Amino acid sequence: MPVFEYQCKECDTRYEVLHKSSENKDVVNCPECKSTEHIKLISAFSSVNSSPDISGCSTGSCGMPSYGGGCQGGMCGLN
């Protein structure tokens, strides 16, 4: 189920709407002023994964197996 982010044209409130299906995506009301005038915003994507072991990041491995991947020269941004 996709989540879309909107900004109300009337009161500038930013809000998210979870659309349960492709139907009624155009029927969106501001939670503050109930206006249907809005701008659909471009949202950043994120996902939830298990956290890797980053204890080896200063050596450039970032907890990645030695057979591929990793952070070359510790440049993964986690150190």
PDB file of N, CA and C in Angstrom:
ATOM      1  N   MET A   1       0.834  -1.168   0.000  1.00  0.00           N
ATOM      2  CA  MET A   1       0.000   0.000   0.000  1.00  0.00           C
ATOM      3  C   MET A   1       0.887   1.241   0.000  1.00  0.00           C
ATOM      4  N   PRO A   2       0.772   2.050  -1.017  1.00  0.00           N
ATOM      5  CA  PRO A   2       1.635   3.222  -1.117  1.00  0.00           C
ATOM      6  C   PRO A   2       1.190   4.364  -0.209  1.00  0.00           C
ATOM      7  N   VAL A   3       2.177   5.075   0.309  1.00  0.00           N
ATOM      8  CA  VAL A   3       1.944   6.276   1.108  1.00  0.00           C
ATOM      9  C   VAL A   3       2.368   7.465   0.264  1.00  0.00           C
ATOM     10  N   PHE A   4       1.484   8.449   0.149  1.00  0.00           N
ATOM     11  CA  PHE A   4       1.788   9.647  -0.621  1.00  0.00           C
ATOM     12  C   PHE A   4       1.817  10.845   0.316  1.00  0.00           C
ATOM     13  N   GLU A   5       2.690  11.797  -0.001  1.00  0.00           N
ATOM     14  CA  GLU A   5       2.830  13.003   0.801  1.00  0.00           C
ATOM     15  C   GLU A   5       2.237  14.176   0.024  1.00  0.00           C
ATOM     16  N   TYR A   6       1.471  15.009   0.724  1.00  0.00           N
ATOM     17  CA  TYR A   6       0.797  16.146   0.108  1.00  0.00           C
ATOM     18  C   TYR A   6       1.061  17.406   0.906  1.00  0.00           C
ATOM     19  N   GLN A   7       0.861  18.561   0.244  1.00  0.00           N
ATOM     20  CA  GLN A   7       0.881  19.851   0.926  1.00  0.00           C
ATOM     21  C   GLN A   7      -0.379  20.604   0.522  1.00  0.00           C
ATOM     22  N   CYS A   8      -1.107  21.079   1.504  1.00  0.00           N
ATOM     23  CA  CYS A   8      -2.360  21.786   1.268  1.00  0.00           C
ATOM     24  C   CYS A   8      -2.080  23.157   0.660  1.00  0.00           C
ATOM     25  N   LYS A   9      -2.808  23.504  -0.383  1.00  0.00           N
ATOM     26  CA  LYS A   9      -2.660  24.818  -1.016  1.00  0.00           C
ATOM     27  C   LYS A   9      -3.307  25.933  -0.188  1.00  0.00           C
ATOM     28  N   GLU A  10      -4.247  25.565   0.672  1.00  0.00           N
ATOM     29  CA  GLU A  10      -4.965  26.563   1.471  1.00  0.00           C
ATOM     30  C   GLU A  10      -4.211  26.953   2.742  1.00  0.00           C
ATOM     31  N   CYS A  11      -3.724  25.950   3.499  1.00  0.00           N
ATOM     32  CA  CYS A  11      -3.118  26.251   4.807  1.00  0.00           C
ATOM     33  C   CYS A  11      -1.663  25.798   4.924  1.00  0.00           C
ATOM     34  N   ASP A  12      -1.081  25.267   3.841  1.00  0.00           N
ATOM     35  CA  ASP A  12       0.319  24.810   3.789  1.00  0.00           C
ATOM     36  C   ASP A  12       0.655  23.631   4.703  1.00  0.00           C
ATOM     37  N   THR A  13      -0.337  22.949   5.227  1.00  0.00           N
ATOM     38  CA  THR A  13      -0.092  21.770   6.052  1.00  0.00           C
ATOM     39  C   THR A  13       0.446  20.646   5.182  1.00  0.00           C
ATOM     40  N   ARG A  14       1.488  19.964   5.682  1.00  0.00           N
ATOM     41  CA  ARG A  14       2.026  18.787   5.000  1.00  0.00           C
ATOM     42  C   ARG A  14       1.474  17.558   5.700  1.00  0.00           C
ATOM     43  N   TYR A  15       1.042  16.564   4.909  1.00  0.00           N
ATOM     44  CA  TYR A  15       0.451  15.368   5.477  1.00  0.00           C
ATOM     45  C   TYR A  15       0.655  14.188   4.542  1.00  0.00           C
ATOM     46  N   GLU A  16       0.526  12.994   5.111  1.00  0.00           N
ATOM     47  CA  GLU A  16       0.677  11.755   4.354  1.00  0.00           C
ATOM     48  C   GLU A  16      -0.661  11.033   4.288  1.00  0.00           C
ATOM     49  N   VAL A  17      -0.878  10.338   3.170  1.00  0.00           N
ATOM     50  CA  VAL A  17      -2.108   9.566   2.996  1.00  0.00           C
ATOM     51  C   VAL A  17      -1.726   8.161   2.542  1.00  0.00           C
ATOM     52  N   LEU A  18      -2.233   7.168   3.230  1.00  0.00           N
ATOM     53  CA  LEU A  18      -2.044   5.773   2.856  1.00  0.00           C
ATOM     54  C   LEU A  18      -3.200   5.387   1.944  1.00  0.00           C
ATOM     55  N   HIS A  19      -2.889   5.105   0.685  1.00  0.00           N
ATOM     56  CA  HIS A  19      -3.915   4.705  -0.270  1.00  0.00           C
ATOM     57  C   HIS A  19      -3.988   3.184  -0.290  1.00  0.00           C
ATOM     58  N   LYS A  20      -5.123   2.644   0.103  1.00  0.00           N
ATOM     59  CA  LYS A  20      -5.281   1.195   0.198  1.00  0.00           C
ATOM     60  C   LYS A  20      -5.483   0.535  -1.156  1.00  0.00           C
ATOM     61  N   SER A  21      -5.829   1.313  -2.172  1.00  0.00           N
ATOM     62  CA  SER A  21      -5.984   0.778  -3.517  1.00  0.00           C
ATOM     63  C   SER A  21      -5.775   1.916  -4.511  1.00  0.00           C
ATOM     64  N   SER A  22      -5.835   1.598  -5.790  1.00  0.00           N
ATOM     65  CA  SER A  22      -5.660   2.628  -6.806  1.00  0.00           C
ATOM     66  C   SER A  22      -6.898   3.516  -6.934  1.00  0.00           C
ATOM     67  N   GLU A  23      -7.992   3.106  -6.321  1.00  0.00           N
ATOM     68  CA  GLU A  23      -9.212   3.911  -6.343  1.00  0.00           C
ATOM     69  C   GLU A  23      -9.104   5.064  -5.351  1.00  0.00           C
ATOM     70  N   ASN A  24      -9.746   6.158  -5.665  1.00  0.00           N
ATOM     71  CA  ASN A  24      -9.876   7.319  -4.785  1.00  0.00           C
ATOM     72  C   ASN A  24      -8.554   8.010  -4.458  1.00  0.00           C
ATOM     73  N   LYS A  25      -7.550   7.897  -5.302  1.00  0.00           N
ATOM     74  CA  LYS A  25      -6.297   8.609  -5.052  1.00  0.00           C
ATOM     75  C   LYS A  25      -6.464  10.111  -5.228  1.00  0.00           C
ATOM     76  N   ASP A  26      -7.487  10.519  -5.985  1.00  0.00           N
ATOM     77  CA  ASP A  26      -7.721  11.943  -6.195  1.00  0.00           C
ATOM     78  C   ASP A  26      -8.565  12.558  -5.083  1.00  0.00           C
ATOM     79  N   VAL A  27      -9.186  11.727  -4.237  1.00  0.00           N
ATOM     80  CA  VAL A  27     -10.017  12.231  -3.156  1.00  0.00           C
ATOM     81  C   VAL A  27      -9.159  12.314  -1.896  1.00  0.00           C
ATOM     82  N   VAL A  28      -8.532  13.475  -1.709  1.00  0.00           N
ATOM     83  CA  VAL A  28      -7.642  13.684  -0.575  1.00  0.00           C
ATOM     84  C   VAL A  28      -8.052  14.990   0.094  1.00  0.00           C
ATOM     85  N   ASN A  29      -8.292  14.943   1.399  1.00  0.00           N
ATOM     86  CA  ASN A  29      -8.671  16.126   2.156  1.00  0.00           C
ATOM     87  C   ASN A  29      -7.588  16.458   3.166  1.00  0.00           C
ATOM     88  N   CYS A  30      -7.288  17.736   3.308  1.00  0.00           N
ATOM     89  CA  CYS A  30      -6.335  18.197   4.309  1.00  0.00           C
ATOM     90  C   CYS A  30      -6.889  17.891   5.696  1.00  0.00           C
ATOM     91  N   PRO A  31      -6.076  17.309   6.587  1.00  0.00           N
ATOM     92  CA  PRO A  31      -6.566  16.993   7.934  1.00  0.00           C
ATOM     93  C   PRO A  31      -6.828  18.237   8.790  1.00  0.00           C
ATOM     94  N   GLU A  32      -6.243  19.384   8.412  1.00  0.00           N
ATOM     95  CA  GLU A  32      -6.428  20.613   9.189  1.00  0.00           C
ATOM     96  C   GLU A  32      -7.641  21.412   8.743  1.00  0.00           C
ATOM     97  N   CYS A  33      -7.694  21.739   7.439  1.00  0.00           N
ATOM     98  CA  CYS A  33      -8.755  22.632   6.953  1.00  0.00           C
ATOM     99  C   CYS A  33      -9.771  21.938   6.054  1.00  0.00           C
ATOM    100  N   LYS A  34      -9.562  20.644   5.789  1.00  0.00           N
ATOM    101  CA  LYS A  34     -10.462  19.814   4.972  1.00  0.00           C
ATOM    102  C   LYS A  34     -10.509  20.211   3.497  1.00  0.00           C
ATOM    103  N   SER A  35      -9.581  21.040   3.052  1.00  0.00           N
ATOM    104  CA  SER A  35      -9.523  21.442   1.650  1.00  0.00           C
ATOM    105  C   SER A  35      -9.129  20.255   0.773  1.00  0.00           C
ATOM    106  N   THR A  36      -9.618  20.244  -0.458  1.00  0.00           N
ATOM    107  CA  THR A  36      -9.228  19.212  -1.426  1.00  0.00           C
ATOM    108  C   THR A  36      -8.176  19.739  -2.397  1.00  0.00           C
ATOM    109  N   GLU A  37      -7.743  20.991  -2.199  1.00  0.00           N
ATOM    110  CA  GLU A  37      -6.708  21.588  -3.043  1.00  0.00           C
ATOM    111  C   GLU A  37      -5.346  21.269  -2.430  1.00  0.00           C
ATOM    112  N   HIS A  38      -4.545  20.503  -3.150  1.00  0.00           N
ATOM    113  CA  HIS A  38      -3.260  20.074  -2.606  1.00  0.00           C
ATOM    114  C   HIS A  38      -2.231  19.905  -3.719  1.00  0.00           C
ATOM    115  N   ILE A  39      -0.981  19.816  -3.289  1.00  0.00           N
ATOM    116  CA  ILE A  39       0.143  19.519  -4.177  1.00  0.00           C
ATOM    117  C   ILE A  39       0.688  18.170  -3.737  1.00  0.00           C
ATOM    118  N   LYS A  40       0.878  17.271  -4.674  1.00  0.00           N
ATOM    119  CA  LYS A  40       1.487  15.979  -4.366  1.00  0.00           C
ATOM    120  C   LYS A  40       3.000  16.174  -4.335  1.00  0.00           C
ATOM    121  N   LEU A  41       3.626  15.852  -3.220  1.00  0.00           N
ATOM    122  CA  LEU A  41       5.061  16.047  -3.034  1.00  0.00           C
ATOM    123  C   LEU A  41       5.842  14.800  -3.419  1.00  0.00           C
ATOM    124  N   ILE A  42       7.084  15.001  -3.765  1.00  0.00           N
ATOM    125  CA  ILE A  42       7.983  13.880  -4.044  1.00  0.00           C
ATOM    126  C   ILE A  42       8.635  13.498  -2.732  1.00  0.00           C
ATOM    127  N   SER A  43       8.438  12.266  -2.330  1.00  0.00           N
ATOM    128  CA  SER A  43       8.946  11.796  -1.048  1.00  0.00           C
ATOM    129  C   SER A  43      10.166  10.911  -1.241  1.00  0.00           C
ATOM    130  N   ALA A  44      11.011  10.924  -0.235  1.00  0.00           N
ATOM    131  CA  ALA A  44      12.166  10.023  -0.244  1.00  0.00           C
ATOM    132  C   ALA A  44      11.703   8.622   0.116  1.00  0.00           C
ATOM    133  N   PHE A  45      12.331   7.625  -0.445  1.00  0.00           N
ATOM    134  CA  PHE A  45      11.991   6.234  -0.180  1.00  0.00           C
ATOM    135  C   PHE A  45      12.870   5.714   0.942  1.00  0.00           C
ATOM    136  N   SER A  46      12.286   4.955   1.819  1.00  0.00           N
ATOM    137  CA  SER A  46      13.077   4.284   2.846  1.00  0.00           C
ATOM    138  C   SER A  46      12.501   2.900   3.072  1.00  0.00           C
ATOM    139  N   SER A  47      13.341   2.027   3.580  1.00  0.00           N
ATOM    140  CA  SER A  47      12.890   0.678   3.891  1.00  0.00           C
ATOM    141  C   SER A  47      13.501   0.247   5.205  1.00  0.00           C
ATOM    142  N   VAL A  48      12.909  -0.747   5.799  1.00  0.00           N
ATOM    143  CA  VAL A  48      13.394  -1.256   7.070  1.00  0.00           C
ATOM    144  C   VAL A  48      14.099  -2.577   6.812  1.00  0.00           C
ATOM    145  N   ASN A  49      15.359  -2.639   7.186  1.00  0.00           N
ATOM    146  CA  ASN A  49      16.157  -3.852   7.059  1.00  0.00           C
ATOM    147  C   ASN A  49      16.827  -4.117   8.396  1.00  0.00           C
ATOM    148  N   SER A  50      17.359  -5.313   8.549  1.00  0.00           N
ATOM    149  CA  SER A  50      18.126  -5.574   9.747  1.00  0.00           C
ATOM    150  C   SER A  50      19.433  -4.800   9.663  1.00  0.00           C
ATOM    151  N   SER A  51      19.918  -4.349  10.787  1.00  0.00           N
ATOM    152  CA  SER A  51      21.130  -3.538  10.822  1.00  0.00           C
ATOM    153  C   SER A  51      22.366  -4.403  10.657  1.00  0.00           C
ATOM    154  N   PRO A  52      23.279  -4.014   9.770  1.00  0.00           N
ATOM    155  CA  PRO A  52      24.522  -4.774   9.626  1.00  0.00           C
ATOM    156  C   PRO A  52      25.470  -4.480  10.784  1.00  0.00           C
ATOM    157  N   ASP A  53      26.403  -5.367  11.011  1.00  0.00           N
ATOM    158  CA  ASP A  53      27.450  -5.131  11.997  1.00  0.00           C
ATOM    159  C   ASP A  53      28.422  -4.133  11.396  1.00  0.00           C
ATOM    160  N   ILE A  54      28.499  -2.920  11.971  1.00  0.00           N
ATOM    161  CA  ILE A  54      29.369  -1.889  11.401  1.00  0.00           C
ATOM    162  C   ILE A  54      30.674  -1.749  12.176  1.00  0.00           C
ATOM    163  N   SER A  55      30.974  -2.722  13.035  1.00  0.00           N
ATOM    164  CA  SER A  55      32.179  -2.617  13.858  1.00  0.00           C
ATOM    165  C   SER A  55      33.453  -2.601  13.029  1.00  0.00           C
ATOM    166  N   GLY A  56      33.455  -3.207  11.842  1.00  0.00           N
ATOM    167  CA  GLY A  56      34.649  -3.235  11.014  1.00  0.00           C
ATOM    168  C   GLY A  56      34.717  -2.108  10.009  1.00  0.00           C
ATOM    169  N   CYS A  57      33.866  -1.100  10.132  1.00  0.00           N
ATOM    170  CA  CYS A  57      33.792  -0.058   9.118  1.00  0.00           C
ATOM    171  C   CYS A  57      35.068   0.774   9.039  1.00  0.00           C
ATOM    172  N   SER A  58      35.746   0.987  10.137  1.00  0.00           N
ATOM    173  CA  SER A  58      36.965   1.795  10.088  1.00  0.00           C
ATOM    174  C   SER A  58      38.060   1.109   9.273  1.00  0.00           C
ATOM    175  N   THR A  59      37.955  -0.209   9.112  1.00  0.00           N
ATOM    176  CA  THR A  59      38.924  -0.931   8.294  1.00  0.00           C
ATOM    177  C   THR A  59      38.478  -1.029   6.843  1.00  0.00           C
ATOM    178  N   GLY A  60      37.256  -0.564   6.576  1.00  0.00           N
ATOM    179  CA  GLY A  60      36.760  -0.594   5.205  1.00  0.00           C
ATOM    180  C   GLY A  60      35.840  -1.748   4.901  1.00  0.00           C
ATOM    181  N   SER A  61      35.566  -2.604   5.880  1.00  0.00           N
ATOM    182  CA  SER A  61      34.714  -3.753   5.597  1.00  0.00           C
ATOM    183  C   SER A  61      33.250  -3.500   5.910  1.00  0.00           C
ATOM    184  N   CYS A  62      32.965  -2.631   6.862  1.00  0.00           N
ATOM    185  CA  CYS A  62      31.598  -2.295   7.293  1.00  0.00           C
ATOM    186  C   CYS A  62      30.776  -3.533   7.611  1.00  0.00           C
ATOM    187  N   GLY A  63      31.418  -4.599   8.067  1.00  0.00           N
ATOM    188  CA  GLY A  63      30.702  -5.805   8.432  1.00  0.00           C
ATOM    189  C   GLY A  63      30.292  -6.648   7.236  1.00  0.00           C
ATOM    190  N   MET A  64      30.735  -6.284   6.046  1.00  0.00           N
ATOM    191  CA  MET A  64      30.382  -7.033   4.849  1.00  0.00           C
ATOM    192  C   MET A  64      31.314  -8.230   4.708  1.00  0.00           C
ATOM    193  N   PRO A  65      30.845  -9.307   4.116  1.00  0.00           N
ATOM    194  CA  PRO A  65      31.702 -10.464   3.890  1.00  0.00           C
ATOM    195  C   PRO A  65      32.878 -10.104   2.990  1.00  0.00           C
ATOM    196  N   SER A  66      33.965 -10.820   3.136  1.00  0.00           N
ATOM    197  CA  SER A  66      35.182 -10.506   2.379  1.00  0.00           C
ATOM    198  C   SER A  66      35.075 -10.897   0.912  1.00  0.00           C
ATOM    199  N   TYR A  67      34.029 -11.610   0.512  1.00  0.00           N
ATOM    200  CA  TYR A  67      33.908 -12.064  -0.865  1.00  0.00           C
ATOM    201  C   TYR A  67      33.229 -11.047  -1.785  1.00  0.00           C
ATOM    202  N   GLY A  68      32.949  -9.855  -1.319  1.00  0.00           N
ATOM    203  CA  GLY A  68      32.367  -8.831  -2.196  1.00  0.00           C
ATOM    204  C   GLY A  68      31.676  -7.773  -1.390  1.00  0.00           C
ATOM    205  N   GLY A  69      31.456  -6.631  -2.009  1.00  0.00           N
ATOM    206  CA  GLY A  69      30.791  -5.522  -1.336  1.00  0.00           C
ATOM    207  C   GLY A  69      31.719  -4.809  -0.394  1.00  0.00           C
ATOM    208  N   GLY A  70      31.173  -4.193   0.602  1.00  0.00           N
ATOM    209  CA  GLY A  70      31.982  -3.466   1.578  1.00  0.00           C
ATOM    210  C   GLY A  70      32.163  -2.026   1.186  1.00  0.00           C
ATOM    211  N   CYS A  71      32.920  -1.329   1.999  1.00  0.00           N
ATOM    212  CA  CYS A  71      33.166   0.097   1.782  1.00  0.00           C
ATOM    213  C   CYS A  71      34.646   0.273   1.462  1.00  0.00           C
ATOM    214  N   GLN A  72      34.945   0.652   0.282  1.00  0.00           N
ATOM    215  CA  GLN A  72      36.335   0.771  -0.136  1.00  0.00           C
ATOM    216  C   GLN A  72      37.045   1.815   0.711  1.00  0.00           C
ATOM    217  N   GLY A  73      38.096   1.392   1.384  1.00  0.00           N
ATOM    218  CA  GLY A  73      38.915   2.306   2.187  1.00  0.00           C
ATOM    219  C   GLY A  73      38.159   2.959   3.317  1.00  0.00           C
ATOM    220  N   GLY A  74      37.088   2.338   3.803  1.00  0.00           N
ATOM    221  CA  GLY A  74      36.326   2.913   4.919  1.00  0.00           C
ATOM    222  C   GLY A  74      35.492   4.100   4.514  1.00  0.00           C
ATOM    223  N   MET A  75      35.156   4.250   3.233  1.00  0.00           N
ATOM    224  CA  MET A  75      34.429   5.422   2.743  1.00  0.00           C
ATOM    225  C   MET A  75      32.915   5.208   2.723  1.00  0.00           C
ATOM    226  N   CYS A  76      32.391   4.441   3.656  1.00  0.00           N
ATOM    227  CA  CYS A  76      30.957   4.155   3.637  1.00  0.00           C
ATOM    228  C   CYS A  76      30.143   5.230   4.343  1.00  0.00           C
ATOM    229  N   GLY A  77      30.774   6.161   5.012  1.00  0.00           N
ATOM    230  CA  GLY A  77      30.065   7.226   5.697  1.00  0.00           C
ATOM    231  C   GLY A  77      29.569   6.824   7.072  1.00  0.00           C
ATOM    232  N   LEU A  78      29.920   5.640   7.536  1.00  0.00           N
ATOM    233  CA  LEU A  78      29.472   5.181   8.848  1.00  0.00           C
ATOM    234  C   LEU A  78      30.559   5.309   9.911  1.00  0.00           C
ATOM    235  N   ASN A  79      31.731   5.802   9.540  1.00  0.00           N
ATOM    236  CA  ASN A  79      32.791   5.898  10.548  1.00  0.00           C
ATOM    237  C   ASN A  79      33.011   7.313  10.977  1.00  0.00           C
TER     238      ASN A  79
END
